[in-house]
Amino acid sequence: MPRGLNIGDEVAITATVRRRVTQDRVSVSIPSYGFPHSIVDRTSKVRKGQPVELIGNVTHIDGEWVTVNLGVPVTVTMDTLRLVTAYKPPTRKTPLVDKPT
């Protein structure tokens, strides 16, 4: 359970393939998310029951619930997430304030 999650971190969710909806879309089941979700999958190699990793950015944290942007916002518990990369804010090369003249 990643306790050190912050907004902007890149996280991964392991979902399970439910079925193929169309030729290029697959329905997946996301743990602790009570709604159906489909993803684009142009390869025809995924099968029912196969785990798929979905990667997105954290947009909101509310206690143990975390909202991840997977193209659409998905709110899951913190237990289902795995930290991929932590957010590092951009650094400035020049100071924001002008030099005194």
N, C-alpha and C. Protein backbone atom coordinates (compact mmCIF):
# COMPACT_ATOMS: atom_id res chain seq x y z
N MET A 1 0.83 -1.16 0.00
CA MET A 1 0.00 0.00 0.00
C MET A 1 0.89 1.24 0.00
N PRO A 2 0.93 1.98 -1.07
CA PRO A 2 1.79 3.15 -1.12
C PRO A 2 1.21 4.31 -0.31
N ARG A 3 1.81 4.61 0.81
CA ARG A 3 1.33 5.69 1.66
C ARG A 3 1.84 7.05 1.19
N GLY A 4 2.95 7.09 0.48
CA GLY A 4 3.56 8.34 0.08
C GLY A 4 3.06 8.86 -1.26
N LEU A 5 1.81 8.63 -1.59
CA LEU A 5 1.28 9.13 -2.86
C LEU A 5 0.97 10.62 -2.76
N ASN A 6 1.28 11.34 -3.83
CA ASN A 6 0.97 12.76 -3.92
C ASN A 6 0.30 13.01 -5.26
N ILE A 7 -0.31 14.17 -5.37
CA ILE A 7 -0.95 14.56 -6.62
C ILE A 7 0.12 14.73 -7.69
N GLY A 8 -0.12 14.17 -8.87
CA GLY A 8 0.83 14.24 -9.96
C GLY A 8 1.66 12.98 -10.13
N ASP A 9 1.67 12.09 -9.13
CA ASP A 9 2.42 10.84 -9.23
C ASP A 9 1.82 9.95 -10.31
N GLU A 10 2.68 9.20 -10.99
CA GLU A 10 2.22 8.24 -11.98
C GLU A 10 2.07 6.89 -11.30
N VAL A 11 0.86 6.30 -11.37
CA VAL A 11 0.57 5.06 -10.69
C VAL A 11 0.03 4.04 -11.68
N ALA A 12 0.08 2.77 -11.29
CA ALA A 12 -0.42 1.67 -12.12
C ALA A 12 -1.51 0.93 -11.36
N ILE A 13 -2.54 0.53 -12.10
CA ILE A 13 -3.64 -0.27 -11.56
C ILE A 13 -3.66 -1.57 -12.36
N THR A 14 -3.74 -2.70 -11.68
CA THR A 14 -3.83 -3.98 -12.37
C THR A 14 -5.31 -4.35 -12.50
N ALA A 15 -5.80 -4.34 -13.73
CA ALA A 15 -7.19 -4.67 -14.03
C ALA A 15 -7.24 -6.05 -14.67
N THR A 16 -8.43 -6.66 -14.67
CA THR A 16 -8.64 -7.98 -15.26
C THR A 16 -9.55 -7.85 -16.47
N VAL A 17 -9.17 -8.48 -17.57
CA VAL A 17 -9.96 -8.43 -18.79
C VAL A 17 -11.25 -9.22 -18.58
N ARG A 18 -12.39 -8.59 -18.89
CA ARG A 18 -13.69 -9.26 -18.78
C ARG A 18 -14.11 -9.87 -20.11
N ARG A 19 -14.09 -9.05 -21.17
CA ARG A 19 -14.47 -9.55 -22.49
C ARG A 19 -14.09 -8.52 -23.54
N ARG A 20 -14.11 -8.93 -24.79
CA ARG A 20 -13.86 -8.02 -25.90
C ARG A 20 -15.19 -7.43 -26.32
N VAL A 21 -15.29 -6.10 -26.32
CA VAL A 21 -16.52 -5.41 -26.65
C VAL A 21 -16.64 -5.25 -28.17
N THR A 22 -15.64 -4.65 -28.78
CA THR A 22 -15.58 -4.53 -30.23
C THR A 22 -14.22 -5.04 -30.67
N GLN A 23 -13.92 -4.83 -31.94
CA GLN A 23 -12.66 -5.34 -32.45
C GLN A 23 -11.46 -4.63 -31.82
N ASP A 24 -11.63 -3.35 -31.41
CA ASP A 24 -10.50 -2.62 -30.85
C ASP A 24 -10.72 -2.19 -29.40
N ARG A 25 -11.80 -2.60 -28.72
CA ARG A 25 -12.04 -2.24 -27.33
C ARG A 25 -12.23 -3.49 -26.47
N VAL A 26 -11.73 -3.40 -25.21
CA VAL A 26 -11.81 -4.51 -24.27
C VAL A 26 -12.42 -3.99 -22.98
N SER A 27 -13.37 -4.73 -22.41
CA SER A 27 -13.96 -4.39 -21.13
C SER A 27 -13.07 -4.97 -20.03
N VAL A 28 -12.74 -4.12 -19.02
CA VAL A 28 -11.89 -4.57 -17.93
C VAL A 28 -12.59 -4.33 -16.59
N SER A 29 -12.20 -5.08 -15.60
CA SER A 29 -12.71 -4.94 -14.25
C SER A 29 -11.59 -4.38 -13.38
N ILE A 30 -11.83 -3.21 -12.79
CA ILE A 30 -10.84 -2.55 -11.93
C ILE A 30 -11.21 -2.82 -10.48
N PRO A 31 -10.28 -3.33 -9.66
CA PRO A 31 -10.59 -3.61 -8.26
C PRO A 31 -11.02 -2.35 -7.52
N SER A 32 -12.03 -2.45 -6.68
CA SER A 32 -12.60 -1.41 -5.83
C SER A 32 -13.24 -0.28 -6.63
N TYR A 33 -13.48 -0.47 -7.91
CA TYR A 33 -14.17 0.50 -8.76
C TYR A 33 -15.44 -0.18 -9.23
N GLY A 34 -16.58 0.33 -8.83
CA GLY A 34 -17.84 -0.38 -9.05
C GLY A 34 -18.50 -0.16 -10.39
N PHE A 35 -17.80 0.34 -11.37
CA PHE A 35 -18.40 0.62 -12.67
C PHE A 35 -17.63 -0.10 -13.77
N PRO A 36 -18.29 -0.41 -14.89
CA PRO A 36 -17.57 -1.02 -16.00
C PRO A 36 -16.63 -0.01 -16.65
N HIS A 37 -15.54 -0.49 -17.18
CA HIS A 37 -14.54 0.37 -17.81
C HIS A 37 -14.02 -0.35 -19.04
N SER A 38 -13.84 0.38 -20.14
CA SER A 38 -13.29 -0.25 -21.33
C SER A 38 -12.07 0.54 -21.79
N ILE A 39 -11.15 -0.17 -22.40
CA ILE A 39 -9.91 0.43 -22.88
C ILE A 39 -9.72 0.05 -24.34
N VAL A 40 -8.92 0.84 -25.04
CA VAL A 40 -8.60 0.55 -26.42
C VAL A 40 -7.47 -0.48 -26.45
N ASP A 41 -7.68 -1.54 -27.19
CA ASP A 41 -6.67 -2.59 -27.34
C ASP A 41 -6.71 -3.05 -28.78
N ARG A 42 -5.76 -2.58 -29.57
CA ARG A 42 -5.76 -2.90 -31.00
C ARG A 42 -5.16 -4.26 -31.30
N THR A 43 -4.49 -4.87 -30.31
CA THR A 43 -3.98 -6.22 -30.51
C THR A 43 -5.08 -7.20 -30.13
N SER A 44 -5.11 -8.32 -30.74
CA SER A 44 -6.15 -9.31 -30.44
C SER A 44 -5.59 -10.43 -29.56
N LYS A 45 -4.57 -10.13 -28.80
CA LYS A 45 -3.91 -11.18 -28.02
C LYS A 45 -4.43 -11.29 -26.59
N VAL A 46 -5.18 -10.32 -26.08
CA VAL A 46 -5.66 -10.41 -24.70
C VAL A 46 -6.84 -11.37 -24.63
N ARG A 47 -6.91 -12.10 -23.54
CA ARG A 47 -7.96 -13.10 -23.33
C ARG A 47 -8.70 -12.80 -22.03
N LYS A 48 -9.84 -13.40 -21.87
CA LYS A 48 -10.65 -13.22 -20.66
C LYS A 48 -9.87 -13.72 -19.45
N GLY A 49 -9.85 -12.90 -18.38
CA GLY A 49 -9.15 -13.26 -17.16
C GLY A 49 -7.70 -12.84 -17.10
N GLN A 50 -7.17 -12.30 -18.20
CA GLN A 50 -5.77 -11.88 -18.24
C GLN A 50 -5.61 -10.53 -17.54
N PRO A 51 -4.57 -10.35 -16.70
CA PRO A 51 -4.35 -9.05 -16.06
C PRO A 51 -3.76 -8.04 -17.04
N VAL A 52 -4.23 -6.80 -16.93
CA VAL A 52 -3.76 -5.70 -17.77
C VAL A 52 -3.38 -4.55 -16.84
N GLU A 53 -2.26 -3.91 -17.12
CA GLU A 53 -1.81 -2.80 -16.29
C GLU A 53 -2.22 -1.47 -16.92
N LEU A 54 -2.95 -0.65 -16.15
CA LEU A 54 -3.39 0.66 -16.61
C LEU A 54 -2.57 1.71 -15.86
N ILE A 55 -2.01 2.67 -16.58
CA ILE A 55 -1.14 3.68 -15.97
C ILE A 55 -1.78 5.05 -16.14
N GLY A 56 -1.80 5.82 -15.05
CA GLY A 56 -2.36 7.16 -15.08
C GLY A 56 -1.76 8.02 -13.99
N ASN A 57 -2.19 9.29 -13.93
CA ASN A 57 -1.69 10.24 -12.95
C ASN A 57 -2.72 10.47 -11.85
N VAL A 58 -2.24 10.64 -10.62
CA VAL A 58 -3.11 10.92 -9.49
C VAL A 58 -3.59 12.37 -9.60
N THR A 59 -4.92 12.56 -9.50
CA THR A 59 -5.47 13.91 -9.59
C THR A 59 -6.09 14.38 -8.28
N HIS A 60 -6.51 13.45 -7.40
CA HIS A 60 -7.16 13.83 -6.14
C HIS A 60 -6.97 12.72 -5.12
N ILE A 61 -6.72 13.11 -3.87
CA ILE A 61 -6.58 12.15 -2.77
C ILE A 61 -7.53 12.56 -1.66
N ASP A 62 -8.37 11.60 -1.21
CA ASP A 62 -9.33 11.86 -0.14
C ASP A 62 -9.28 10.68 0.83
N GLY A 63 -8.42 10.78 1.83
CA GLY A 63 -8.26 9.68 2.78
C GLY A 63 -7.64 8.48 2.10
N GLU A 64 -8.37 7.36 2.07
CA GLU A 64 -7.84 6.17 1.41
C GLU A 64 -8.30 6.08 -0.04
N TRP A 65 -9.15 6.98 -0.51
CA TRP A 65 -9.62 6.99 -1.89
C TRP A 65 -8.76 7.91 -2.74
N VAL A 66 -8.36 7.41 -3.90
CA VAL A 66 -7.48 8.15 -4.80
C VAL A 66 -8.13 8.19 -6.18
N THR A 67 -8.16 9.37 -6.80
CA THR A 67 -8.69 9.51 -8.15
C THR A 67 -7.53 9.53 -9.12
N VAL A 68 -7.59 8.65 -10.11
CA VAL A 68 -6.54 8.50 -11.11
C VAL A 68 -7.13 8.84 -12.47
N ASN A 69 -6.39 9.60 -13.27
CA ASN A 69 -6.85 9.96 -14.61
C ASN A 69 -6.37 8.89 -15.59
N LEU A 70 -7.31 8.08 -16.08
CA LEU A 70 -7.01 7.05 -17.08
C LEU A 70 -7.66 7.42 -18.41
N GLY A 71 -7.74 8.70 -18.68
CA GLY A 71 -8.54 9.19 -19.80
C GLY A 71 -9.86 9.71 -19.26
N VAL A 72 -10.41 9.00 -18.31
CA VAL A 72 -11.55 9.42 -17.50
C VAL A 72 -11.15 9.25 -16.04
N PRO A 73 -11.68 10.06 -15.12
CA PRO A 73 -11.30 9.89 -13.72
C PRO A 73 -11.86 8.60 -13.13
N VAL A 74 -11.00 7.84 -12.47
CA VAL A 74 -11.37 6.58 -11.83
C VAL A 74 -10.96 6.68 -10.37
N THR A 75 -11.91 6.48 -9.43
CA THR A 75 -11.63 6.57 -8.01
C THR A 75 -11.54 5.16 -7.43
N VAL A 76 -10.38 4.83 -6.87
CA VAL A 76 -10.12 3.51 -6.29
C VAL A 76 -9.48 3.67 -4.92
N THR A 77 -9.38 2.56 -4.19
CA THR A 77 -8.70 2.62 -2.89
C THR A 77 -7.19 2.62 -3.11
N MET A 78 -6.48 3.08 -2.12
CA MET A 78 -5.03 3.20 -2.21
C MET A 78 -4.35 1.83 -2.28
N ASP A 79 -5.04 0.77 -1.81
CA ASP A 79 -4.46 -0.58 -1.82
C ASP A 79 -4.26 -1.12 -3.23
N THR A 80 -5.05 -0.66 -4.20
CA THR A 80 -5.00 -1.20 -5.55
C THR A 80 -3.96 -0.53 -6.42
N LEU A 81 -3.27 0.48 -5.91
CA LEU A 81 -2.33 1.25 -6.71
C LEU A 81 -0.88 0.83 -6.47
N ARG A 82 -0.07 1.01 -7.50
CA ARG A 82 1.36 0.78 -7.41
C ARG A 82 2.05 2.01 -7.98
N LEU A 83 2.97 2.60 -7.22
CA LEU A 83 3.67 3.80 -7.65
C LEU A 83 4.66 3.46 -8.77
N VAL A 84 4.54 4.18 -9.90
CA VAL A 84 5.45 3.98 -11.02
C VAL A 84 6.56 5.02 -10.95
N THR A 85 6.19 6.30 -10.99
CA THR A 85 7.17 7.38 -10.82
C THR A 85 6.55 8.48 -9.99
N ALA A 86 7.34 9.03 -9.09
CA ALA A 86 6.88 10.14 -8.27
C ALA A 86 6.98 11.43 -9.05
N TYR A 87 6.08 12.36 -8.76
CA TYR A 87 6.07 13.65 -9.44
C TYR A 87 7.20 14.51 -8.92
N LYS A 88 7.96 15.10 -9.82
CA LYS A 88 9.03 16.03 -9.47
C LYS A 88 8.71 17.35 -10.15
N PRO A 89 8.46 18.41 -9.37
CA PRO A 89 8.11 19.68 -10.00
C PRO A 89 9.27 20.23 -10.82
N PRO A 90 8.97 20.98 -11.87
CA PRO A 90 10.05 21.54 -12.69
C PRO A 90 10.88 22.54 -11.89
N THR A 91 12.16 22.58 -12.18
CA THR A 91 13.05 23.51 -11.49
C THR A 91 13.34 24.70 -12.40
N ARG A 92 13.56 25.86 -11.78
CA ARG A 92 13.87 27.07 -12.53
C ARG A 92 15.37 27.25 -12.61
N LYS A 93 15.82 27.64 -13.78
CA LYS A 93 17.26 27.92 -13.94
C LYS A 93 17.56 29.37 -13.57
N THR A 94 16.62 30.25 -13.82
CA THR A 94 16.80 31.66 -13.46
C THR A 94 15.83 31.99 -12.34
N PRO A 95 16.22 32.90 -11.46
CA PRO A 95 15.31 33.26 -10.37
C PRO A 95 14.07 33.97 -10.89
N LEU A 96 12.98 33.84 -10.15
CA LEU A 96 11.73 34.45 -10.54
C LEU A 96 11.77 35.98 -10.37
N VAL A 97 12.58 36.45 -9.44
CA VAL A 97 12.69 37.87 -9.15
C VAL A 97 13.86 38.45 -9.95
N ASP A 98 13.67 39.67 -10.50
CA ASP A 98 14.73 40.33 -11.22
C ASP A 98 15.82 40.79 -10.27
N LYS A 99 17.04 40.93 -10.80
CA LYS A 99 18.14 41.43 -10.00
C LYS A 99 17.92 42.92 -9.70
N PRO A 100 18.29 43.38 -8.51
CA PRO A 100 18.13 44.82 -8.21
C PRO A 100 19.09 45.64 -9.05
N THR A 101 18.61 46.79 -9.48
CA THR A 101 19.46 47.67 -10.30
C THR A 101 19.89 48.91 -9.56
